């Protein structure tokens, strides 16, 4: 049996995405046969020691504690993969020292605040010849795999158009008009965690993974909710309000390189009222259609929507594993050398679309990619 990949985890705090989803997916019994957590790194010695002790007890092996410069954990000879899971504004500063140590790495989407930072990370990774895996795990979902198989098999004939309508509920407390105390950084567009970069960016990846890249992009956007009320963890207003610096409603259209017409309509901020659909994605081919829909989540990287082929529901094995199954499939793919996982090159492709959206909004014209 091959030796397990030693993981050094940067940003594994007591709360947040890494501790509730990303790390638990890595620590599943079936995944643990391929990986071993050997070190953690946080912002200070106290939190690093606490995290190391917690996971050493949970996993039954020693876990080293690092803090500060992420290059330290990357230089540990027992670490074969550095996992970086932090807020986007810290991605560049955390990952470049890791790459400088010639360490293979995982980096959460959006892999930098903007296209320029992602290109810098990509250039460094290529220069050092290291492998990368990016947190765009929707492409490893059994639902997305099945849709791709249907499209590639010709089940609906040549794809002529696709329409995606998405919605992120107010109750998520991620973007205006209501934002949780732990998510206030999303309101400032310069931090790179906007509704465009996070929620649309995550869903663009499965769209282009299945249907191919965009050749043109045209966008319209508006801000319905110009201010955000900040609430505590229990949902009570803190008295703080923030001005939004980004749009919350988008209409994005364009041609795919295949010649198919793509249209995306995106909204955030409405209340999650009964019957409000979170996701409706249709793929229309010459010989049939695929419909993907969900009344509870738009995020296909962490949930499994229902799929219909020509109006008939498609039964898909694996959806019962939920978010841990989707994230775990990406960890499996990387360990097995299966190139189905997203890399820094895929992150750049995704950011080029988002950058084209922003340029189209600023310039009022169609952008050719």
Protein backbone atom coordinates (compact mmCIF):
# COMPACT_ATOMS: atom_id res chain seq x y z
CA UNK A 1 0.00 0.00 0.00
CA UNK A 2 1.42 3.43 -0.96
CA UNK A 3 2.39 5.72 1.91
CA UNK A 4 -0.15 8.32 2.91
CA UNK A 5 0.24 11.95 1.84
CA UNK A 6 1.38 14.07 4.77
CA UNK A 7 -0.87 17.13 5.06
CA UNK A 8 0.06 20.48 6.56
CA UNK A 9 -3.12 22.50 7.11
CA UNK A 10 -2.98 26.30 7.15
CA UNK A 11 -6.08 27.98 8.59
CA UNK A 12 -7.66 25.08 10.47
CA UNK A 13 -9.31 27.12 13.19
CA UNK A 14 -11.98 26.08 15.70
CA UNK A 15 -14.81 27.40 13.52
CA UNK A 16 -15.40 28.13 9.85
CA UNK A 17 -15.48 26.29 6.51
CA UNK A 18 -12.21 24.41 7.06
CA UNK A 19 -13.21 22.94 10.42
CA UNK A 20 -16.83 22.12 9.54
CA UNK A 21 -16.48 20.75 5.99
CA UNK A 22 -13.07 20.78 4.30
CA UNK A 23 -11.11 19.00 7.04
CA UNK A 24 -13.90 16.54 8.00
CA UNK A 25 -14.07 15.46 4.34
CA UNK A 26 -10.32 14.80 4.46
CA UNK A 27 -10.63 12.90 7.74
CA UNK A 28 -13.30 10.45 6.55
CA UNK A 29 -12.17 6.85 7.16
CA UNK A 30 -11.98 6.01 3.44
CA UNK A 31 -9.96 9.17 2.70
CA UNK A 32 -7.66 8.72 5.69
CA UNK A 33 -6.14 5.67 4.03
CA UNK A 34 -4.55 8.13 1.57
CA UNK A 35 -3.83 11.18 3.75
CA UNK A 36 -2.39 11.87 7.18
CA UNK A 37 -2.60 15.22 8.98
CA UNK A 38 0.91 15.85 10.27
CA UNK A 39 0.94 19.60 10.96
CA UNK A 40 -1.29 22.65 11.38
CA UNK A 41 -0.49 26.34 11.09
CA UNK A 42 -2.51 29.27 12.40
CA UNK A 43 -1.91 32.94 13.13
CA UNK A 44 -0.45 32.55 16.62
CA UNK A 45 1.23 30.00 18.86
CA UNK A 46 -1.75 29.59 21.20
CA UNK A 47 -4.31 28.74 18.51
CA UNK A 48 -1.79 26.52 16.68
CA UNK A 49 -1.09 24.51 19.83
CA UNK A 50 -4.82 24.14 20.55
CA UNK A 51 -5.55 22.98 16.99
CA UNK A 52 -2.64 20.52 17.00
CA UNK A 53 -3.77 18.99 20.29
CA UNK A 54 -7.39 18.77 19.17
CA UNK A 55 -6.64 16.92 15.93
CA UNK A 56 -3.93 14.73 17.44
CA UNK A 57 -6.52 13.46 19.93
CA UNK A 58 -9.18 13.08 17.24
CA UNK A 59 -6.99 11.32 14.67
CA UNK A 60 -4.69 9.34 16.95
CA UNK A 61 -1.37 10.61 15.63
CA UNK A 62 1.04 13.42 16.49
CA UNK A 63 0.28 16.77 14.85
CA UNK A 64 2.93 19.51 14.80
CA UNK A 65 2.02 23.14 15.48
CA UNK A 66 3.29 26.05 13.38
CA UNK A 67 2.24 29.68 13.34
CA UNK A 68 2.91 32.80 11.31
CA UNK A 69 4.87 32.35 8.06
CA UNK A 70 3.22 29.59 5.99
CA UNK A 71 6.62 28.77 4.50
CA UNK A 72 7.51 27.08 7.82
CA UNK A 73 4.93 24.33 7.54
CA UNK A 74 5.72 23.93 3.84
CA UNK A 75 9.39 23.27 4.64
CA UNK A 76 8.52 20.41 7.02
CA UNK A 77 9.90 17.23 5.38
CA UNK A 78 6.86 15.23 6.52
CA UNK A 79 4.47 17.52 4.64
CA UNK A 80 3.69 16.48 1.08
CA UNK A 81 0.66 18.72 0.55
CA UNK A 82 -0.06 22.10 2.13
CA UNK A 83 -3.76 22.91 2.44
CA UNK A 84 -4.56 26.63 2.65
CA UNK A 85 -8.08 27.59 3.67
CA UNK A 86 -8.40 31.26 4.57
CA UNK A 87 -10.34 34.35 3.59
CA UNK A 88 -9.57 35.40 -0.02
CA UNK A 89 -7.71 38.56 0.99
CA UNK A 90 -5.07 36.33 2.63
CA UNK A 91 -4.69 33.75 -0.16
CA UNK A 92 -1.78 35.36 -1.99
CA UNK A 93 0.24 36.08 1.14
CA UNK A 94 -0.25 32.55 2.47
CA UNK A 95 0.26 30.50 -0.69
CA UNK A 96 3.29 32.17 -2.29
CA UNK A 97 5.68 31.18 0.57
CA UNK A 98 4.32 27.63 0.27
CA UNK A 99 5.04 27.52 -3.44
CA UNK A 100 8.49 29.04 -2.85
CA UNK A 101 9.27 25.92 -0.78
CA UNK A 102 8.31 23.81 -3.82
CA UNK A 103 5.40 22.26 -1.98
CA UNK A 104 2.33 20.86 -3.69
CA UNK A 105 -0.74 22.73 -2.46
CA UNK A 106 -4.48 22.93 -2.08
CA UNK A 107 -5.98 26.44 -2.15
CA UNK A 108 -9.62 27.28 -1.57
CA UNK A 109 -11.57 29.09 -4.28
CA UNK A 110 -11.36 31.95 -5.27
CA UNK A 111 -7.57 31.38 -5.14
CA UNK A 112 -6.81 35.08 -4.76
CA UNK A 113 -8.84 38.26 -4.69
CA UNK A 114 -8.86 38.79 -8.45
CA UNK A 115 -7.46 37.67 -11.78
CA UNK A 116 -4.11 39.40 -11.20
CA UNK A 117 -3.46 37.55 -7.93
CA UNK A 118 -4.56 34.22 -9.37
CA UNK A 119 -2.26 34.70 -12.36
CA UNK A 120 0.61 35.44 -9.98
CA UNK A 121 -0.10 32.24 -8.05
CA UNK A 122 -0.34 30.27 -11.30
CA UNK A 123 2.99 31.66 -12.56
CA UNK A 124 4.71 30.77 -9.28
CA UNK A 125 3.28 27.24 -9.32
CA UNK A 126 4.41 26.65 -12.90
CA UNK A 127 7.84 28.12 -12.20
CA UNK A 128 8.38 25.80 -9.25
CA UNK A 129 6.81 22.80 -10.97
CA UNK A 130 4.40 21.98 -8.14
CA UNK A 131 1.01 20.32 -8.31
CA UNK A 132 -2.11 22.23 -7.29
CA UNK A 133 -5.68 21.44 -6.34
CA UNK A 134 -8.26 24.24 -6.07
CA UNK A 135 -11.47 24.18 -4.05
CA UNK A 136 -13.82 24.05 -7.03
CA UNK A 137 -15.19 20.67 -6.00
CA UNK A 138 -18.53 20.84 -7.85
CA UNK A 139 -16.90 19.10 -10.81
CA UNK A 140 -16.33 16.08 -8.54
CA UNK A 141 -20.00 15.90 -7.52
CA UNK A 142 -21.83 12.77 -8.69
CA UNK A 143 -24.53 15.07 -10.08
CA UNK A 144 -22.11 17.08 -12.22
CA UNK A 145 -20.35 13.89 -13.34
CA UNK A 146 -23.67 12.44 -14.46
CA UNK A 147 -24.69 15.58 -16.34
CA UNK A 148 -21.34 15.63 -18.12
CA UNK A 149 -21.72 11.96 -19.02
CA UNK A 150 -25.18 12.63 -20.48
CA UNK A 151 -23.97 15.62 -22.52
CA UNK A 152 -20.82 13.87 -23.74
CA UNK A 153 -22.76 10.73 -24.73
CA UNK A 154 -25.01 12.74 -27.03
CA UNK A 155 -28.14 12.02 -24.97
CA UNK A 156 -29.56 15.46 -25.87
CA UNK A 157 -27.72 15.96 -29.16
CA UNK A 158 -25.69 19.06 -29.92
CA UNK A 159 -26.04 21.62 -27.13
CA UNK A 160 -27.52 24.86 -28.48
CA UNK A 161 -28.12 26.90 -25.31
CA UNK A 162 -28.01 26.88 -21.55
CA UNK A 163 -29.78 28.99 -18.94
CA UNK A 164 -28.88 29.15 -15.24
CA UNK A 165 -30.97 31.03 -12.68
CA UNK A 166 -29.51 31.20 -9.17
CA UNK A 167 -30.54 32.61 -5.81
CA UNK A 168 -28.71 33.02 -2.49
CA UNK A 169 -31.11 33.55 0.41
CA UNK A 170 -30.95 36.44 2.85
CA UNK A 171 -30.88 33.92 5.69
CA UNK A 172 -27.40 32.79 4.65
CA UNK A 173 -26.11 36.09 6.15
CA UNK A 174 -23.36 36.19 3.53
CA UNK A 175 -24.16 39.36 1.58
CA UNK A 176 -26.43 42.41 1.98
CA UNK A 177 -28.97 43.22 3.24
CA UNK A 178 -27.98 41.02 6.23
CA UNK A 179 -24.42 39.93 7.00
CA UNK A 180 -23.12 37.87 9.91
CA UNK A 181 -20.31 39.25 12.06
CA UNK A 182 -17.97 36.60 10.69
CA UNK A 183 -18.77 37.55 7.09
CA UNK A 184 -18.43 41.34 7.13
CA UNK A 185 -15.38 41.05 4.87
CA UNK A 186 -17.67 40.01 2.00
CA UNK A 187 -19.26 43.47 1.82
CA UNK A 188 -16.01 45.11 0.65
CA UNK A 189 -15.42 44.08 -2.96
CA UNK A 190 -11.64 44.54 -2.63
CA UNK A 191 -11.53 41.48 -0.35
CA UNK A 192 -12.52 39.24 -3.27
CA UNK A 193 -15.45 37.46 -1.59
CA UNK A 194 -18.38 38.98 -3.48
CA UNK A 195 -21.57 37.31 -4.66
CA UNK A 196 -19.99 37.37 -8.13
CA UNK A 197 -16.68 35.78 -7.20
CA UNK A 198 -17.96 33.24 -4.67
CA UNK A 199 -21.51 32.21 -5.54
CA UNK A 200 -21.43 32.76 -9.32
CA UNK A 201 -17.78 31.72 -9.57
CA UNK A 202 -18.46 28.36 -7.93
CA UNK A 203 -21.31 27.61 -10.36
CA UNK A 204 -19.43 28.82 -13.45
CA UNK A 205 -16.94 26.02 -12.99
CA UNK A 206 -19.38 23.10 -13.47
CA UNK A 207 -21.03 24.98 -16.35
CA UNK A 208 -17.76 25.35 -18.26
CA UNK A 209 -16.50 21.92 -17.12
CA UNK A 210 -19.50 20.36 -18.87
CA UNK A 211 -20.18 22.74 -21.76
CA UNK A 212 -16.82 24.40 -22.48
CA UNK A 213 -15.42 27.87 -22.15
CA UNK A 214 -16.94 31.25 -23.00
CA UNK A 215 -15.83 33.14 -26.10
CA UNK A 216 -17.80 36.33 -25.32
CA UNK A 217 -19.32 37.86 -22.17
CA UNK A 218 -21.85 40.65 -21.73
CA UNK A 219 -23.14 41.68 -18.32
CA UNK A 220 -25.66 43.91 -16.58
CA UNK A 221 -25.84 44.33 -12.82
CA UNK A 222 -27.56 46.38 -10.17
CA UNK A 223 -27.42 46.88 -6.41
CA UNK A 224 -30.83 46.35 -4.83
CA UNK A 225 -29.46 46.31 -1.28
CA UNK A 226 -26.93 49.16 -0.84
CA UNK A 227 -26.43 48.60 2.90
CA UNK A 228 -25.92 45.60 5.13
CA UNK A 229 -27.21 45.11 8.67
CA UNK A 230 -24.62 43.18 10.67
CA UNK A 231 -26.03 40.45 12.91
CA UNK A 232 -24.54 38.25 15.64
CA UNK A 233 -24.31 34.46 15.46
CA UNK A 234 -27.82 34.21 16.91
CA UNK A 235 -29.21 36.56 14.26
CA UNK A 236 -29.64 39.65 16.41
CA UNK A 237 -28.68 43.06 14.94
CA UNK A 238 -25.43 44.40 16.38
CA UNK A 239 -26.26 48.01 15.56
CA UNK A 240 -23.58 48.11 12.87
CA UNK A 241 -24.42 48.81 9.23
CA UNK A 242 -22.08 48.70 6.24
CA UNK A 243 -22.24 50.14 2.75
CA UNK A 244 -22.15 47.54 -0.02
CA UNK A 245 -19.50 48.09 -2.70
CA UNK A 246 -20.67 45.48 -5.18
CA UNK A 247 -23.81 44.43 -7.04
CA UNK A 248 -26.25 41.79 -5.79
CA UNK A 249 -28.19 41.12 -9.03
CA UNK A 250 -26.49 40.01 -12.26
CA UNK A 251 -27.57 39.15 -15.79
CA UNK A 252 -24.68 37.57 -17.69
CA UNK A 253 -24.85 36.27 -21.24
CA UNK A 254 -22.40 35.14 -23.84
CA UNK A 255 -21.42 32.63 -26.46
CA UNK A 256 -19.56 29.47 -25.59
CA UNK A 257 -16.72 28.34 -27.84
CA UNK A 258 -19.04 25.57 -29.02
CA UNK A 259 -21.39 28.22 -30.42
CA UNK A 260 -24.05 27.63 -27.76
CA UNK A 261 -25.71 30.64 -26.13
CA UNK A 262 -25.35 30.90 -22.34
CA UNK A 263 -27.44 33.03 -20.01
CA UNK A 264 -27.04 33.43 -16.23
CA UNK A 265 -29.39 35.37 -13.96
CA UNK A 266 -28.26 35.72 -10.35
CA UNK A 267 -29.94 37.25 -7.30
CA UNK A 268 -29.01 37.53 -3.65
CA UNK A 269 -30.79 39.01 -0.67
CA UNK A 270 -34.43 37.92 -0.89
CA UNK A 271 -36.04 36.11 2.01
CA UNK A 272 -36.22 32.34 1.64
CA UNK A 273 -39.99 32.25 1.17
CA UNK A 274 -41.89 29.01 0.40
CA UNK A 275 -41.62 27.94 -3.22
CA UNK A 276 -38.71 30.22 -4.08
CA UNK A 277 -36.37 28.17 -6.24
CA UNK A 278 -32.67 28.43 -5.48
CA UNK A 279 -31.38 26.85 -8.68
CA UNK A 280 -32.80 26.23 -12.13
CA UNK A 281 -30.28 25.19 -14.78
CA UNK A 282 -31.40 24.04 -18.19
CA UNK A 283 -29.23 22.65 -20.96
CA UNK A 284 -31.03 22.48 -24.31
CA UNK A 285 -29.76 20.23 -27.06
CA UNK A 286 -30.95 19.54 -30.58
CA UNK A 287 -32.47 16.21 -29.47
CA UNK A 288 -33.51 16.88 -25.87
CA UNK A 289 -32.92 18.75 -22.65
CA UNK A 290 -31.49 18.44 -19.15
CA UNK A 291 -33.00 20.30 -16.21
CA UNK A 292 -31.22 20.74 -12.89
CA UNK A 293 -33.10 22.24 -9.96
CA UNK A 294 -33.06 22.76 -6.22
CA UNK A 295 -35.37 24.46 -3.73
CA UNK A 296 -32.79 24.51 -0.92
CA UNK A 297 -29.33 25.44 -2.26
CA UNK A 298 -27.72 26.98 -5.32
CA UNK A 299 -24.24 25.74 -4.42
CA UNK A 300 -23.54 22.61 -6.45
CA UNK A 301 -20.13 22.28 -4.77
CA UNK A 302 -21.79 21.38 -1.46
CA UNK A 303 -25.25 20.06 -2.39
CA UNK A 304 -26.87 17.74 -4.92
CA UNK A 305 -29.72 19.19 -6.99
CA UNK A 306 -32.27 17.02 -8.79
CA UNK A 307 -31.60 16.19 -12.45
CA UNK A 308 -34.17 15.52 -15.17
CA UNK A 309 -33.47 14.17 -18.65
CA UNK A 310 -36.29 15.01 -21.07
CA UNK A 311 -38.61 15.46 -18.10
CA UNK A 312 -37.73 12.17 -16.41
CA UNK A 313 -35.90 12.20 -13.09
CA UNK A 314 -32.41 10.73 -13.24
CA UNK A 315 -31.38 8.52 -10.33
CA UNK A 316 -27.76 9.26 -9.40
CA UNK A 317 -25.73 7.10 -7.04
CA UNK A 318 -23.66 8.89 -4.42
CA UNK A 319 -25.82 11.96 -3.80
CA UNK A 320 -26.72 10.64 -0.36
CA UNK A 321 -23.14 11.30 0.82
CA UNK A 322 -23.80 15.06 0.76
CA UNK A 323 -21.14 17.72 1.08
CA UNK A 324 -18.55 15.38 2.61
CA UNK A 325 -18.97 13.03 -0.34
CA UNK A 326 -18.45 15.81 -2.88
CA UNK A 327 -15.39 17.23 -1.13
CA UNK A 328 -14.07 13.74 -0.43
CA UNK A 329 -14.29 12.82 -4.12
CA UNK A 330 -11.91 15.69 -4.94
CA UNK A 331 -9.46 14.57 -2.23
CA UNK A 332 -9.67 11.04 -3.65
CA UNK A 333 -9.03 12.24 -7.20
CA UNK A 334 -5.90 14.12 -6.19
CA UNK A 335 -4.49 11.20 -4.17
CA UNK A 336 -5.20 8.77 -7.01
CA UNK A 337 -3.63 10.96 -9.68
CA UNK A 338 -7.01 11.29 -11.41
CA UNK A 339 -6.88 14.65 -13.21
CA UNK A 340 -10.59 15.28 -12.69
CA UNK A 341 -9.94 17.77 -9.86
CA UNK A 342 -9.60 21.51 -10.47
CA UNK A 343 -6.13 23.07 -10.60
CA UNK A 344 -4.75 26.60 -10.51
CA UNK A 345 -5.11 26.65 -14.31
CA UNK A 346 -8.87 26.09 -13.92
CA UNK A 347 -8.99 28.86 -11.34
CA UNK A 348 -7.41 31.24 -13.87
CA UNK A 349 -9.97 30.25 -16.53
CA UNK A 350 -12.77 30.94 -14.05
CA UNK A 351 -11.29 34.30 -13.06
CA UNK A 352 -10.97 35.35 -16.70
CA UNK A 353 -14.76 35.02 -17.01
CA UNK A 354 -15.35 36.99 -13.81
CA UNK A 355 -12.89 39.65 -14.96
CA UNK A 356 -14.74 39.85 -18.28
CA UNK A 357 -18.01 40.36 -16.37
CA UNK A 358 -16.51 43.25 -14.44
CA UNK A 359 -15.00 44.80 -17.58
CA UNK A 360 -18.31 44.48 -19.41
CA UNK A 361 -20.07 46.25 -16.52
CA UNK A 362 -17.47 49.02 -16.44
CA UNK A 363 -17.29 49.53 -20.20
CA UNK A 364 -20.87 48.76 -21.19
CA UNK A 365 -19.92 46.40 -23.98
CA UNK A 366 -19.41 42.78 -24.94
CA UNK A 367 -15.99 41.41 -23.96
CA UNK A 368 -14.26 38.96 -26.30
CA UNK A 369 -12.21 36.35 -24.44
